[in-house]
Amino acid sequence: MTKNSARAIYLLIVLVVVLLDRWTKHLVAARIALYSHIQVIPGFFRLTHTENTGAAFSLFADSTAPWKTGLLIAFSVIALVVVSALLWKNQHAHVATGVGLSLIMGGALGNLWDRLARGRVIDFLLLYVRQYQWPVFNLADSAIVVGAGLLIVEILFAKSHPPDSPAQSESANG
């Protein structure tokens, strides 16, 4: 796979994540009243329409600091710049790295879109067991977590190849 074809695939992944995120959030906002829910798997999963002014998984949602939204937007923009640079420079054949960065970028763009347009993010996926529940999240959050997971797996399990030492280069040339 050439560098440009890999970049095209990664860009397509970003686009698919953003479009799916926008579509699912639109469906939830149009069909489920705020703070209402639809039971999908009793005792485990339901769709719950909430709006989150905090970060992923409602982190900082209870903060009343006036600078919170601006700080979250700035953090998202910085993260997008860093991920874009890493994705652009990804010259290795590590597909997991490129896919992981693409998922993170698509998720960050999806949530940034909401934050810029509305000052809050629509969340709707709720996993729970009895009284224990995970904070409500969305498709963009899921893409970010899966992308980060792929990067962690790549870091932990990829075989590292040390750079060629001068002695190795000379013996290969000799």
C-alpha atoms as a PDB file:
ATOM      1  CA  MET A   1       0.000   0.000   0.000  1.00  0.00           C
ATOM      2  CA  THR A   2       1.420   3.370  -0.986  1.00  0.00           C
ATOM      3  CA  LYS A   3       1.615   6.274   1.418  1.00  0.00           C
ATOM      4  CA  ASN A   4      -1.083   8.188  -0.476  1.00  0.00           C
ATOM      5  CA  SER A   5      -3.485   5.245  -0.671  1.00  0.00           C
ATOM      6  CA  ALA A   6      -3.026   4.665   3.071  1.00  0.00           C
ATOM      7  CA  ARG A   7      -3.762   8.339   3.729  1.00  0.00           C
ATOM      8  CA  ALA A   8      -6.893   8.114   1.585  1.00  0.00           C
ATOM      9  CA  ILE A   9      -8.109   5.104   3.558  1.00  0.00           C
ATOM     10  CA  TYR A  10      -7.392   6.838   6.868  1.00  0.00           C
ATOM     11  CA  LEU A  11      -9.227   9.949   5.692  1.00  0.00           C
ATOM     12  CA  LEU A  12     -12.168   7.763   4.670  1.00  0.00           C
ATOM     13  CA  ILE A  13     -12.239   6.256   8.180  1.00  0.00           C
ATOM     14  CA  VAL A  14     -12.294   9.767   9.682  1.00  0.00           C
ATOM     15  CA  LEU A  15     -15.142  10.772   7.362  1.00  0.00           C
ATOM     16  CA  VAL A  16     -17.186   7.631   8.130  1.00  0.00           C
ATOM     17  CA  VAL A  17     -16.798   8.158  11.893  1.00  0.00           C
ATOM     18  CA  VAL A  18     -17.861  11.819  11.657  1.00  0.00           C
ATOM     19  CA  LEU A  19     -20.836  11.042   9.405  1.00  0.00           C
ATOM     20  CA  LEU A  20     -22.040   8.128  11.567  1.00  0.00           C
ATOM     21  CA  ASP A  21     -21.608  10.233  14.692  1.00  0.00           C
ATOM     22  CA  ARG A  22     -23.580  13.149  13.210  1.00  0.00           C
ATOM     23  CA  TRP A  23     -26.308  10.808  11.921  1.00  0.00           C
ATOM     24  CA  THR A  24     -26.741   8.908  15.206  1.00  0.00           C
ATOM     25  CA  LYS A  25     -26.823  12.115  17.248  1.00  0.00           C
ATOM     26  CA  HIS A  26     -29.412  13.574  14.861  1.00  0.00           C
ATOM     27  CA  LEU A  27     -31.590  10.459  15.166  1.00  0.00           C
ATOM     28  CA  VAL A  28     -31.417  10.526  18.957  1.00  0.00           C
ATOM     29  CA  ALA A  29     -32.202  14.252  19.160  1.00  0.00           C
ATOM     30  CA  ALA A  30     -35.141  13.858  16.761  1.00  0.00           C
ATOM     31  CA  ARG A  31     -36.656  10.656  18.183  1.00  0.00           C
ATOM     32  CA  ILE A  32     -35.859  10.499  21.904  1.00  0.00           C
ATOM     33  CA  ALA A  33     -36.895  13.340  24.197  1.00  0.00           C
ATOM     34  CA  LEU A  34     -34.155  14.767  26.402  1.00  0.00           C
ATOM     35  CA  TYR A  35     -33.586  12.523  29.462  1.00  0.00           C
ATOM     36  CA  SER A  36     -35.905   9.844  28.059  1.00  0.00           C
ATOM     37  CA  HIS A  37     -34.692   6.369  27.171  1.00  0.00           C
ATOM     38  CA  ILE A  38     -35.410   3.285  25.098  1.00  0.00           C
ATOM     39  CA  GLN A  39     -34.605  -0.091  26.601  1.00  0.00           C
ATOM     40  CA  VAL A  40     -32.560  -2.181  24.151  1.00  0.00           C
ATOM     41  CA  ILE A  41     -31.180  -5.044  26.263  1.00  0.00           C
ATOM     42  CA  PRO A  42     -32.943  -5.168  29.637  1.00  0.00           C
ATOM     43  CA  GLY A  43     -30.504  -5.054  32.526  1.00  0.00           C
ATOM     44  CA  PHE A  44     -27.571  -4.074  30.301  1.00  0.00           C
ATOM     45  CA  PHE A  45     -28.089  -1.461  27.544  1.00  0.00           C
ATOM     46  CA  ARG A  46     -30.422   1.398  26.720  1.00  0.00           C
ATOM     47  CA  LEU A  47     -30.487   4.500  24.558  1.00  0.00           C
ATOM     48  CA  THR A  48     -30.704   7.548  26.828  1.00  0.00           C
ATOM     49  CA  HIS A  49     -30.766  11.075  25.385  1.00  0.00           C
ATOM     50  CA  THR A  50     -28.562  13.359  27.462  1.00  0.00           C
ATOM     51  CA  GLU A  51     -26.506  16.449  26.723  1.00  0.00           C
ATOM     52  CA  ASN A  52     -23.017  16.679  28.128  1.00  0.00           C
ATOM     53  CA  THR A  53     -21.264  20.008  28.698  1.00  0.00           C
ATOM     54  CA  GLY A  54     -18.167  18.205  29.965  1.00  0.00           C
ATOM     55  CA  ALA A  55     -15.546  16.059  28.309  1.00  0.00           C
ATOM     56  CA  ALA A  56     -15.844  12.409  27.298  1.00  0.00           C
ATOM     57  CA  PHE A  57     -17.929  10.263  29.638  1.00  0.00           C
ATOM     58  CA  SER A  58     -19.228  13.429  31.394  1.00  0.00           C
ATOM     59  CA  LEU A  59     -15.844  14.315  32.860  1.00  0.00           C
ATOM     60  CA  PHE A  60     -16.083  17.918  34.221  1.00  0.00           C
ATOM     61  CA  ALA A  61     -19.812  18.063  33.378  1.00  0.00           C
ATOM     62  CA  ASP A  62     -20.646  19.369  36.853  1.00  0.00           C
ATOM     63  CA  SER A  63     -18.103  22.186  36.664  1.00  0.00           C
ATOM     64  CA  THR A  64     -19.611  25.670  36.435  1.00  0.00           C
ATOM     65  CA  ALA A  65     -16.339  27.308  35.387  1.00  0.00           C
ATOM     66  CA  PRO A  66     -17.025  29.866  32.628  1.00  0.00           C
ATOM     67  CA  TRP A  67     -13.899  28.839  30.708  1.00  0.00           C
ATOM     68  CA  LYS A  68     -14.767  25.110  30.597  1.00  0.00           C
ATOM     69  CA  THR A  69     -16.243  25.009  27.073  1.00  0.00           C
ATOM     70  CA  GLY A  70     -13.435  27.157  25.643  1.00  0.00           C
ATOM     71  CA  LEU A  71     -10.826  24.962  27.285  1.00  0.00           C
ATOM     72  CA  LEU A  72     -12.466  21.780  25.965  1.00  0.00           C
ATOM     73  CA  ILE A  73     -12.599  23.266  22.453  1.00  0.00           C
ATOM     74  CA  ALA A  74      -8.937  24.323  22.671  1.00  0.00           C
ATOM     75  CA  PHE A  75      -7.929  20.882  23.922  1.00  0.00           C
ATOM     76  CA  SER A  76      -9.838  19.240  21.051  1.00  0.00           C
ATOM     77  CA  VAL A  77      -8.183  21.476  18.467  1.00  0.00           C
ATOM     78  CA  ILE A  78      -4.713  20.783  19.897  1.00  0.00           C
ATOM     79  CA  ALA A  79      -5.431  17.039  19.936  1.00  0.00           C
ATOM     80  CA  LEU A  80      -6.623  17.203  16.317  1.00  0.00           C
ATOM     81  CA  VAL A  81      -3.453  19.003  15.236  1.00  0.00           C
ATOM     82  CA  VAL A  82      -1.244  16.445  17.000  1.00  0.00           C
ATOM     83  CA  VAL A  83      -3.198  13.449  15.669  1.00  0.00           C
ATOM     84  CA  SER A  84      -3.224  14.930  12.148  1.00  0.00           C
ATOM     85  CA  ALA A  85       0.553  15.391  12.239  1.00  0.00           C
ATOM     86  CA  LEU A  86       1.077  11.840  13.524  1.00  0.00           C
ATOM     87  CA  LEU A  87      -1.266  10.436  10.898  1.00  0.00           C
ATOM     88  CA  TRP A  88       0.394  12.407   8.106  1.00  0.00           C
ATOM     89  CA  LYS A  89       3.882  11.281   9.183  1.00  0.00           C
ATOM     90  CA  ASN A  90       2.838   7.644   9.712  1.00  0.00           C
ATOM     91  CA  GLN A  91       5.239   6.028   7.253  1.00  0.00           C
ATOM     92  CA  HIS A  92       5.263   2.592   8.804  1.00  0.00           C
ATOM     93  CA  ALA A  93       3.272  -0.361   7.609  1.00  0.00           C
ATOM     94  CA  HIS A  94       1.507  -0.453  10.997  1.00  0.00           C
ATOM     95  CA  VAL A  95      -2.100  -0.385   9.912  1.00  0.00           C
ATOM     96  CA  ALA A  96      -3.303  -0.445  13.533  1.00  0.00           C
ATOM     97  CA  THR A  97      -1.531   2.867  14.189  1.00  0.00           C
ATOM     98  CA  GLY A  98      -3.134   4.565  11.188  1.00  0.00           C
ATOM     99  CA  VAL A  99      -6.590   3.162  11.927  1.00  0.00           C
ATOM    100  CA  GLY A 100      -6.274   4.055  15.613  1.00  0.00           C
ATOM    101  CA  LEU A 101      -5.258   7.639  14.834  1.00  0.00           C
ATOM    102  CA  SER A 102      -8.069   7.887  12.264  1.00  0.00           C
ATOM    103  CA  LEU A 103     -10.663   6.731  14.789  1.00  0.00           C
ATOM    104  CA  ILE A 104      -9.370   9.214  17.378  1.00  0.00           C
ATOM    105  CA  MET A 105      -9.456  12.016  14.822  1.00  0.00           C
ATOM    106  CA  GLY A 106     -12.985  11.167  13.637  1.00  0.00           C
ATOM    107  CA  GLY A 107     -14.276  10.977  17.209  1.00  0.00           C
ATOM    108  CA  ALA A 108     -12.606  14.225  18.208  1.00  0.00           C
ATOM    109  CA  LEU A 109     -14.059  15.978  15.150  1.00  0.00           C
ATOM    110  CA  GLY A 110     -17.541  14.622  15.885  1.00  0.00           C
ATOM    111  CA  ASN A 111     -17.562  15.898  19.456  1.00  0.00           C
ATOM    112  CA  LEU A 112     -15.874  19.174  18.511  1.00  0.00           C
ATOM    113  CA  TRP A 113     -18.633  19.793  15.955  1.00  0.00           C
ATOM    114  CA  ASP A 114     -21.273  19.530  18.705  1.00  0.00           C
ATOM    115  CA  ARG A 115     -19.302  21.647  21.133  1.00  0.00           C
ATOM    116  CA  LEU A 116     -18.784  24.428  18.579  1.00  0.00           C
ATOM    117  CA  ALA A 117     -22.387  24.357  17.331  1.00  0.00           C
ATOM    118  CA  ARG A 118     -24.218  23.894  20.644  1.00  0.00           C
ATOM    119  CA  GLY A 119     -21.751  24.181  23.518  1.00  0.00           C
ATOM    120  CA  ARG A 120     -22.556  20.603  24.518  1.00  0.00           C
ATOM    121  CA  VAL A 121     -22.394  17.076  23.143  1.00  0.00           C
ATOM    122  CA  ILE A 122     -25.300  14.671  22.657  1.00  0.00           C
ATOM    123  CA  ASP A 123     -24.703  11.389  24.479  1.00  0.00           C
ATOM    124  CA  PHE A 124     -27.034   8.429  24.222  1.00  0.00           C
ATOM    125  CA  LEU A 125     -25.385   5.041  24.840  1.00  0.00           C
ATOM    126  CA  LEU A 126     -25.812   3.703  28.374  1.00  0.00           C
ATOM    127  CA  LEU A 127     -24.317   0.421  29.570  1.00  0.00           C
ATOM    128  CA  TYR A 128     -25.241  -0.793  33.038  1.00  0.00           C
ATOM    129  CA  VAL A 129     -25.578  -3.823  35.281  1.00  0.00           C
ATOM    130  CA  ARG A 130     -28.101  -3.410  38.102  1.00  0.00           C
ATOM    131  CA  GLN A 131     -27.283  -0.130  39.861  1.00  0.00           C
ATOM    132  CA  TYR A 132     -23.776   0.073  38.355  1.00  0.00           C
ATOM    133  CA  GLN A 133     -23.546   2.076  35.156  1.00  0.00           C
ATOM    134  CA  TRP A 134     -20.974   3.524  32.828  1.00  0.00           C
ATOM    135  CA  PRO A 135     -21.419   7.256  32.094  1.00  0.00           C
ATOM    136  CA  VAL A 136     -23.593   7.889  29.020  1.00  0.00           C
ATOM    137  CA  PHE A 137     -21.464   8.218  25.870  1.00  0.00           C
ATOM    138  CA  ASN A 138     -21.764   8.456  22.081  1.00  0.00           C
ATOM    139  CA  LEU A 139     -20.289   6.998  18.908  1.00  0.00           C
ATOM    140  CA  ALA A 140     -17.484   9.601  18.819  1.00  0.00           C
ATOM    141  CA  ASP A 141     -16.415   8.647  22.353  1.00  0.00           C
ATOM    142  CA  SER A 142     -16.443   4.990  21.303  1.00  0.00           C
ATOM    143  CA  ALA A 143     -14.242   5.725  18.277  1.00  0.00           C
ATOM    144  CA  ILE A 144     -11.749   7.584  20.482  1.00  0.00           C
ATOM    145  CA  VAL A 145     -11.575   4.716  22.991  1.00  0.00           C
ATOM    146  CA  VAL A 146     -11.221   2.035  20.295  1.00  0.00           C
ATOM    147  CA  GLY A 147      -8.566   4.133  18.522  1.00  0.00           C
ATOM    148  CA  ALA A 148      -6.616   4.618  21.749  1.00  0.00           C
ATOM    149  CA  GLY A 149      -6.927   0.880  22.427  1.00  0.00           C
ATOM    150  CA  LEU A 150      -5.450   0.076  19.012  1.00  0.00           C
ATOM    151  CA  LEU A 151      -2.522   2.395  19.711  1.00  0.00           C
ATOM    152  CA  ILE A 152      -1.927   0.751  23.102  1.00  0.00           C
ATOM    153  CA  VAL A 153      -2.029  -2.728  21.543  1.00  0.00           C
ATOM    154  CA  GLU A 154       0.394  -1.545  18.854  1.00  0.00           C
ATOM    155  CA  ILE A 155       2.780  -0.138  21.470  1.00  0.00           C
ATOM    156  CA  LEU A 156       2.630  -3.221  23.683  1.00  0.00           C
ATOM    157  CA  PHE A 157       2.783  -5.951  21.059  1.00  0.00           C
ATOM    158  CA  ALA A 158       4.523  -4.566  17.963  1.00  0.00           C
ATOM    159  CA  LYS A 159       7.999  -5.868  17.354  1.00  0.00           C
ATOM    160  CA  SER A 160      10.450  -3.020  17.463  1.00  0.00           C
ATOM    161  CA  HIS A 161      13.192  -2.892  14.901  1.00  0.00           C
ATOM    162  CA  PRO A 162      16.278  -1.009  16.079  1.00  0.00           C
ATOM    163  CA  PRO A 163      17.678   1.451  13.568  1.00  0.00           C
ATOM    164  CA  ASP A 164      20.540   0.187  11.455  1.00  0.00           C
ATOM    165  CA  SER A 165      23.815   0.657  13.241  1.00  0.00           C
ATOM    166  CA  PRO A 166      26.904   1.694  11.259  1.00  0.00           C
ATOM    167  CA  ALA A 167      28.391  -1.780  11.747  1.00  0.00           C
ATOM    168  CA  GLN A 168      25.300  -3.437  10.261  1.00  0.00           C
ATOM    169  CA  SER A 169      25.318  -1.062   7.307  1.00  0.00           C
ATOM    170  CA  GLU A 170      28.981  -1.684   6.565  1.00  0.00           C
ATOM    171  CA  SER A 171      28.641  -5.475   6.727  1.00  0.00           C
ATOM    172  CA  ALA A 172      25.622  -5.321   4.421  1.00  0.00           C
ATOM    173  CA  ASN A 173      27.548  -3.165   1.929  1.00  0.00           C
ATOM    174  CA  GLY A 174      30.783  -5.149   2.116  1.00  0.00           C
END
